[in-house]
Amino acid sequence: MAQRCAVTPGTVEDNLRLPLQWRQHRHHANWQRTTIVTWLETLGRSSDFLAWDAEQLSGGEQQVLNLLRALQLQPVLLLLDECTASLDPSTCRAMETLLQHWLSEAARACVFTSHDPDQIERFCNRVLALP
């Protein structure tokens, strides 16, 4: 079975707002449209992306949605498993740029898996190669 990102019925914005309603996030995470729009611009997308039907997104667009959904919660540690696998090279680089900027804003860490040695060289500062 193909790996798919989790989306719920509704728009991209609906999907981004959903975890902010959960009890564990209600008191420390708020909807930050300006931040989301800035991140979208970094990824080469306009704010119109927020109105798109989440269930109609391509695999790469779902990856963008899911990354934004995770980043908005401001975790200290982010686990990303092949988060750029379905992206075109331009969006892949843009996502790396967004992640590097996000990581530099606070004391955060990211565990990032990739099969792309060039990406590992560009993005990672520590590497663990598994046989």
N, C-alpha and C. Protein backbone atom coordinates (compact mmCIF):
# COMPACT_ATOMS: atom_id res chain seq x y z
N MET A 1 0.84 -1.18 0.00
CA MET A 1 0.00 0.00 0.00
C MET A 1 0.88 1.24 0.00
N ALA A 2 0.52 2.23 -0.78
CA ALA A 2 1.29 3.46 -0.86
C ALA A 2 1.16 4.27 0.43
N GLN A 3 2.27 4.89 0.82
CA GLN A 3 2.25 5.75 1.99
C GLN A 3 1.52 7.04 1.65
N ARG A 4 0.56 7.45 2.49
CA ARG A 4 -0.22 8.66 2.25
C ARG A 4 -0.18 9.53 3.50
N CYS A 5 -0.19 10.82 3.29
CA CYS A 5 -0.27 11.78 4.40
C CYS A 5 -1.71 11.84 4.89
N ALA A 6 -1.87 12.13 6.16
CA ALA A 6 -3.20 12.21 6.76
C ALA A 6 -3.85 13.55 6.45
N VAL A 7 -5.04 13.49 5.85
CA VAL A 7 -5.85 14.69 5.64
C VAL A 7 -7.28 14.36 6.04
N THR A 8 -8.02 15.40 6.42
CA THR A 8 -9.43 15.24 6.77
C THR A 8 -10.26 16.01 5.75
N PRO A 9 -11.55 15.71 5.64
CA PRO A 9 -12.39 16.46 4.71
C PRO A 9 -12.36 17.95 5.06
N GLY A 10 -12.40 18.78 4.03
CA GLY A 10 -12.39 20.23 4.21
C GLY A 10 -11.22 20.85 3.48
N THR A 11 -10.99 22.10 3.77
CA THR A 11 -9.93 22.85 3.10
C THR A 11 -8.58 22.60 3.78
N VAL A 12 -7.54 23.09 3.15
CA VAL A 12 -6.21 23.05 3.76
C VAL A 12 -6.25 23.80 5.09
N GLU A 13 -6.89 24.97 5.11
CA GLU A 13 -6.98 25.73 6.36
C GLU A 13 -7.71 24.94 7.44
N ASP A 14 -8.79 24.26 7.09
CA ASP A 14 -9.50 23.42 8.06
C ASP A 14 -8.55 22.39 8.65
N ASN A 15 -7.73 21.78 7.80
CA ASN A 15 -6.78 20.76 8.25
C ASN A 15 -5.69 21.35 9.13
N LEU A 16 -5.30 22.58 8.86
CA LEU A 16 -4.29 23.24 9.69
C LEU A 16 -4.86 23.64 11.04
N ARG A 17 -6.10 24.04 11.06
CA ARG A 17 -6.74 24.49 12.32
C ARG A 17 -7.13 23.31 13.22
N LEU A 18 -7.37 22.15 12.65
CA LEU A 18 -7.87 21.01 13.42
C LEU A 18 -7.04 20.68 14.66
N PRO A 19 -5.73 20.49 14.56
CA PRO A 19 -4.98 20.12 15.77
C PRO A 19 -4.97 21.22 16.84
N LEU A 20 -5.22 22.45 16.43
CA LEU A 20 -5.25 23.55 17.40
C LEU A 20 -6.46 23.47 18.32
N GLN A 21 -7.44 22.65 17.94
CA GLN A 21 -8.64 22.46 18.76
C GLN A 21 -8.47 21.34 19.78
N TRP A 22 -7.45 20.51 19.60
CA TRP A 22 -7.24 19.40 20.52
C TRP A 22 -6.81 19.93 21.88
N ARG A 23 -7.25 19.26 22.91
CA ARG A 23 -7.00 19.70 24.28
C ARG A 23 -5.52 19.98 24.54
N GLN A 24 -4.63 19.14 24.08
CA GLN A 24 -3.21 19.31 24.38
C GLN A 24 -2.59 20.53 23.71
N HIS A 25 -3.25 21.09 22.71
CA HIS A 25 -2.71 22.27 22.00
C HIS A 25 -3.51 23.54 22.24
N ARG A 26 -4.68 23.43 22.82
CA ARG A 26 -5.58 24.58 22.96
C ARG A 26 -4.98 25.78 23.66
N HIS A 27 -4.13 25.56 24.64
CA HIS A 27 -3.64 26.67 25.46
C HIS A 27 -2.28 27.19 25.04
N HIS A 28 -1.59 26.52 24.15
CA HIS A 28 -0.26 27.01 23.77
C HIS A 28 -0.07 27.20 22.27
N ALA A 29 -1.05 26.87 21.48
CA ALA A 29 -0.93 27.04 20.03
C ALA A 29 -2.16 27.76 19.50
N ASN A 30 -1.93 28.81 18.75
CA ASN A 30 -3.02 29.58 18.17
C ASN A 30 -2.87 29.63 16.65
N TRP A 31 -3.98 29.87 15.98
CA TRP A 31 -3.96 30.03 14.53
C TRP A 31 -3.18 31.29 14.19
N GLN A 32 -2.14 31.13 13.41
CA GLN A 32 -1.28 32.24 13.01
C GLN A 32 -1.27 32.34 11.48
N ARG A 33 -2.33 32.90 10.92
CA ARG A 33 -2.46 32.97 9.46
C ARG A 33 -1.25 33.64 8.81
N THR A 34 -0.77 34.72 9.38
CA THR A 34 0.36 35.44 8.80
C THR A 34 1.58 34.54 8.70
N THR A 35 1.85 33.79 9.74
CA THR A 35 2.98 32.86 9.73
C THR A 35 2.79 31.79 8.68
N ILE A 36 1.60 31.21 8.62
CA ILE A 36 1.32 30.17 7.63
C ILE A 36 1.50 30.71 6.22
N VAL A 37 0.99 31.91 5.95
CA VAL A 37 1.11 32.51 4.62
C VAL A 37 2.58 32.77 4.28
N THR A 38 3.36 33.21 5.25
CA THR A 38 4.80 33.41 5.03
C THR A 38 5.47 32.09 4.69
N TRP A 39 5.12 31.04 5.42
CA TRP A 39 5.69 29.72 5.12
C TRP A 39 5.28 29.26 3.72
N LEU A 40 4.02 29.48 3.37
CA LEU A 40 3.55 29.10 2.03
C LEU A 40 4.33 29.84 0.96
N GLU A 41 4.57 31.11 1.17
CA GLU A 41 5.35 31.89 0.20
C GLU A 41 6.76 31.33 0.07
N THR A 42 7.37 30.94 1.18
CA THR A 42 8.69 30.31 1.13
C THR A 42 8.65 29.05 0.28
N LEU A 43 7.52 28.36 0.32
CA LEU A 43 7.36 27.11 -0.43
C LEU A 43 6.84 27.35 -1.85
N GLY A 44 6.75 28.61 -2.25
CA GLY A 44 6.33 28.92 -3.62
C GLY A 44 4.84 28.83 -3.86
N ARG A 45 4.05 28.98 -2.79
CA ARG A 45 2.59 28.91 -2.91
C ARG A 45 1.97 30.19 -2.39
N SER A 46 0.81 30.51 -2.90
CA SER A 46 0.10 31.70 -2.43
C SER A 46 -0.86 31.31 -1.31
N SER A 47 -1.45 32.31 -0.71
CA SER A 47 -2.43 32.07 0.36
C SER A 47 -3.67 31.36 -0.17
N ASP A 48 -3.88 31.35 -1.48
CA ASP A 48 -5.01 30.63 -2.07
C ASP A 48 -4.97 29.14 -1.73
N PHE A 49 -3.78 28.62 -1.48
CA PHE A 49 -3.60 27.21 -1.12
C PHE A 49 -4.45 26.85 0.10
N LEU A 50 -4.67 27.80 1.00
CA LEU A 50 -5.45 27.54 2.21
C LEU A 50 -6.90 27.17 1.91
N ALA A 51 -7.42 27.60 0.77
CA ALA A 51 -8.82 27.33 0.40
C ALA A 51 -8.98 26.06 -0.42
N TRP A 52 -7.89 25.41 -0.78
CA TRP A 52 -7.98 24.20 -1.59
C TRP A 52 -8.60 23.07 -0.80
N ASP A 53 -9.26 22.15 -1.51
CA ASP A 53 -9.84 20.95 -0.92
C ASP A 53 -8.71 20.00 -0.56
N ALA A 54 -8.53 19.74 0.72
CA ALA A 54 -7.40 18.93 1.19
C ALA A 54 -7.42 17.51 0.62
N GLU A 55 -8.61 16.96 0.40
CA GLU A 55 -8.69 15.58 -0.11
C GLU A 55 -8.33 15.48 -1.59
N GLN A 56 -8.23 16.62 -2.27
CA GLN A 56 -7.88 16.63 -3.69
C GLN A 56 -6.41 16.98 -3.93
N LEU A 57 -5.64 17.15 -2.86
CA LEU A 57 -4.23 17.52 -3.00
C LEU A 57 -3.41 16.36 -3.55
N SER A 58 -2.38 16.68 -4.30
CA SER A 58 -1.43 15.66 -4.75
C SER A 58 -0.62 15.18 -3.55
N GLY A 59 0.16 14.15 -3.73
CA GLY A 59 1.01 13.65 -2.65
C GLY A 59 1.97 14.71 -2.14
N GLY A 60 2.58 15.48 -3.02
CA GLY A 60 3.50 16.53 -2.62
C GLY A 60 2.80 17.66 -1.89
N GLU A 61 1.60 18.02 -2.36
CA GLU A 61 0.83 19.07 -1.70
C GLU A 61 0.40 18.62 -0.30
N GLN A 62 0.09 17.33 -0.16
CA GLN A 62 -0.24 16.80 1.17
C GLN A 62 0.98 16.87 2.09
N GLN A 63 2.17 16.64 1.53
CA GLN A 63 3.37 16.75 2.35
C GLN A 63 3.56 18.18 2.84
N VAL A 64 3.28 19.15 1.99
CA VAL A 64 3.37 20.56 2.39
C VAL A 64 2.37 20.82 3.53
N LEU A 65 1.13 20.40 3.35
CA LEU A 65 0.10 20.57 4.38
C LEU A 65 0.56 19.97 5.70
N ASN A 66 1.04 18.75 5.66
CA ASN A 66 1.41 18.07 6.90
C ASN A 66 2.62 18.70 7.57
N LEU A 67 3.57 19.22 6.80
CA LEU A 67 4.70 19.91 7.41
C LEU A 67 4.22 21.18 8.11
N LEU A 68 3.38 21.96 7.44
CA LEU A 68 2.86 23.18 8.06
C LEU A 68 2.06 22.87 9.31
N ARG A 69 1.30 21.80 9.26
CA ARG A 69 0.49 21.40 10.42
C ARG A 69 1.40 21.07 11.61
N ALA A 70 2.52 20.44 11.34
CA ALA A 70 3.46 20.11 12.42
C ALA A 70 4.20 21.35 12.92
N LEU A 71 4.69 22.17 12.00
CA LEU A 71 5.47 23.35 12.39
C LEU A 71 4.67 24.32 13.24
N GLN A 72 3.39 24.50 12.93
CA GLN A 72 2.58 25.48 13.66
C GLN A 72 2.43 25.12 15.13
N LEU A 73 2.66 23.86 15.48
CA LEU A 73 2.56 23.43 16.88
C LEU A 73 3.84 23.71 17.65
N GLN A 74 4.87 24.20 16.97
CA GLN A 74 6.14 24.60 17.58
C GLN A 74 6.77 23.50 18.44
N PRO A 75 6.92 22.30 17.88
CA PRO A 75 7.54 21.24 18.68
C PRO A 75 9.02 21.52 18.93
N VAL A 76 9.55 20.94 19.97
CA VAL A 76 10.98 21.05 20.25
C VAL A 76 11.76 20.07 19.37
N LEU A 77 11.15 18.92 19.10
CA LEU A 77 11.76 17.89 18.27
C LEU A 77 10.77 17.51 17.17
N LEU A 78 11.25 17.54 15.95
CA LEU A 78 10.42 17.21 14.79
C LEU A 78 11.00 15.97 14.13
N LEU A 79 10.18 14.94 13.95
CA LEU A 79 10.60 13.71 13.28
C LEU A 79 10.02 13.71 11.88
N LEU A 80 10.88 13.72 10.87
CA LEU A 80 10.45 13.81 9.48
C LEU A 80 10.97 12.61 8.70
N ASP A 81 10.07 11.77 8.26
CA ASP A 81 10.42 10.57 7.51
C ASP A 81 10.13 10.80 6.03
N GLU A 82 11.17 11.02 5.24
CA GLU A 82 11.03 11.23 3.79
C GLU A 82 10.02 12.33 3.48
N CYS A 83 10.13 13.45 4.19
CA CYS A 83 9.13 14.52 4.07
C CYS A 83 9.17 15.24 2.74
N THR A 84 10.19 15.00 1.93
CA THR A 84 10.27 15.65 0.62
C THR A 84 10.20 14.65 -0.53
N ALA A 85 9.85 13.42 -0.24
CA ALA A 85 9.89 12.35 -1.25
C ALA A 85 9.00 12.62 -2.46
N SER A 86 7.87 13.26 -2.27
CA SER A 86 6.93 13.49 -3.37
C SER A 86 7.03 14.89 -3.96
N LEU A 87 8.07 15.62 -3.60
CA LEU A 87 8.19 17.01 -4.04
C LEU A 87 9.10 17.15 -5.26
N ASP A 88 8.81 18.14 -6.09
CA ASP A 88 9.70 18.46 -7.19
C ASP A 88 10.96 19.10 -6.59
N PRO A 89 12.08 19.12 -7.35
CA PRO A 89 13.34 19.64 -6.80
C PRO A 89 13.25 21.06 -6.24
N SER A 90 12.51 21.92 -6.90
CA SER A 90 12.39 23.31 -6.44
C SER A 90 11.67 23.39 -5.09
N THR A 91 10.57 22.68 -4.95
CA THR A 91 9.82 22.69 -3.69
C THR A 91 10.62 21.97 -2.61
N CYS A 92 11.36 20.95 -2.98
CA CYS A 92 12.21 20.24 -2.03
C CYS A 92 13.22 21.21 -1.40
N ARG A 93 13.90 21.98 -2.24
CA ARG A 93 14.87 22.96 -1.74
C ARG A 93 14.18 24.03 -0.89
N ALA A 94 13.00 24.45 -1.32
CA ALA A 94 12.26 25.46 -0.55
C ALA A 94 11.87 24.91 0.82
N MET A 95 11.49 23.64 0.88
CA MET A 95 11.14 23.03 2.16
C MET A 95 12.38 22.95 3.06
N GLU A 96 13.52 22.61 2.49
CA GLU A 96 14.76 22.58 3.27
C GLU A 96 15.05 23.97 3.84
N THR A 97 14.88 25.01 3.02
CA THR A 97 15.11 26.38 3.46
C THR A 97 14.17 26.74 4.60
N LEU A 98 12.89 26.41 4.44
CA LEU A 98 11.90 26.68 5.49
C LEU A 98 12.29 25.97 6.78
N LEU A 99 12.64 24.71 6.68
CA LEU A 99 13.01 23.95 7.88
C LEU A 99 14.26 24.52 8.54
N GLN A 100 15.26 24.89 7.76
CA GLN A 100 16.48 25.45 8.33
C GLN A 100 16.18 26.76 9.06
N HIS A 101 15.35 27.59 8.46
CA HIS A 101 14.97 28.84 9.12
C HIS A 101 14.19 28.56 10.41
N TRP A 102 13.23 27.66 10.34
CA TRP A 102 12.42 27.30 11.51
C TRP A 102 13.29 26.76 12.64
N LEU A 103 14.25 25.91 12.29
CA LEU A 103 15.14 25.35 13.30
C LEU A 103 16.02 26.43 13.94
N SER A 104 16.40 27.44 13.17
CA SER A 104 17.29 28.49 13.69
C SER A 104 16.58 29.49 14.60
N GLU A 105 15.26 29.49 14.60
CA GLU A 105 14.49 30.46 15.39
C GLU A 105 14.44 30.16 16.88
N ALA A 106 14.71 28.93 17.27
CA ALA A 106 14.60 28.53 18.68
C ALA A 106 15.45 27.28 18.91
N ALA A 107 15.50 26.85 20.15
CA ALA A 107 16.22 25.62 20.49
C ALA A 107 15.36 24.43 20.05
N ARG A 108 15.60 23.97 18.83
CA ARG A 108 14.82 22.88 18.25
C ARG A 108 15.76 21.90 17.57
N ALA A 109 15.24 20.72 17.35
CA ALA A 109 16.00 19.70 16.62
C ALA A 109 15.06 18.98 15.66
N CYS A 110 15.67 18.37 14.66
CA CYS A 110 14.92 17.65 13.64
C CYS A 110 15.65 16.36 13.32
N VAL A 111 14.94 15.25 13.36
CA VAL A 111 15.46 13.98 12.87
C VAL A 111 14.84 13.80 11.50
N PHE A 112 15.69 13.69 10.50
CA PHE A 112 15.28 13.80 9.11
C PHE A 112 15.79 12.57 8.36
N THR A 113 14.90 11.79 7.77
CA THR A 113 15.34 10.64 6.97
C THR A 113 15.22 10.98 5.49
N SER A 114 16.18 10.48 4.73
CA SER A 114 16.16 10.70 3.29
C SER A 114 17.03 9.64 2.62
N HIS A 115 16.64 9.27 1.40
CA HIS A 115 17.47 8.38 0.60
C HIS A 115 18.34 9.16 -0.38
N ASP A 116 18.24 10.48 -0.34
CA ASP A 116 18.96 11.35 -1.27
C ASP A 116 20.25 11.84 -0.62
N PRO A 117 21.41 11.31 -1.04
CA PRO A 117 22.67 11.72 -0.42
C PRO A 117 22.97 13.20 -0.59
N ASP A 118 22.57 13.79 -1.70
CA ASP A 118 22.79 15.23 -1.90
C ASP A 118 21.98 16.04 -0.89
N GLN A 119 20.76 15.62 -0.65
CA GLN A 119 19.92 16.31 0.32
C GLN A 119 20.50 16.19 1.72
N ILE A 120 20.96 15.02 2.06
CA ILE A 120 21.57 14.81 3.38
C ILE A 120 22.77 15.73 3.54
N GLU A 121 23.58 15.85 2.51
CA GLU A 121 24.75 16.73 2.54
C GLU A 121 24.34 18.20 2.72
N ARG A 122 23.29 18.62 2.01
CA ARG A 122 22.82 20.01 2.08
C ARG A 122 22.18 20.34 3.42
N PHE A 123 21.38 19.43 3.94
CA PHE A 123 20.49 19.76 5.05
C PHE A 123 21.00 19.36 6.43
N CYS A 124 21.64 18.25 6.53
CA CYS A 124 21.95 17.68 7.84
C CYS A 124 23.31 18.13 8.37
N ASN A 125 23.39 18.29 9.69
CA ASN A 125 24.69 18.59 10.30
C ASN A 125 25.27 17.39 11.03
N ARG A 126 24.47 16.36 11.20
CA ARG A 126 24.95 15.07 11.75
C ARG A 126 24.26 13.98 10.95
N VAL A 127 25.01 12.93 10.64
CA VAL A 127 24.45 11.87 9.80
C VAL A 127 24.68 10.51 10.44
N LEU A 128 23.65 9.72 10.44
CA LEU A 128 23.73 8.32 10.86
C LEU A 128 23.30 7.49 9.66
N ALA A 129 24.22 6.75 9.10
CA ALA A 129 23.91 5.91 7.94
C ALA A 129 23.56 4.51 8.42
N LEU A 130 22.40 4.04 7.98
CA LEU A 130 21.97 2.69 8.32
C LEU A 130 22.25 1.77 7.15
N PRO A 131 22.80 0.59 7.44
CA PRO A 131 23.12 -0.34 6.33
C PRO A 131 21.87 -0.90 5.67
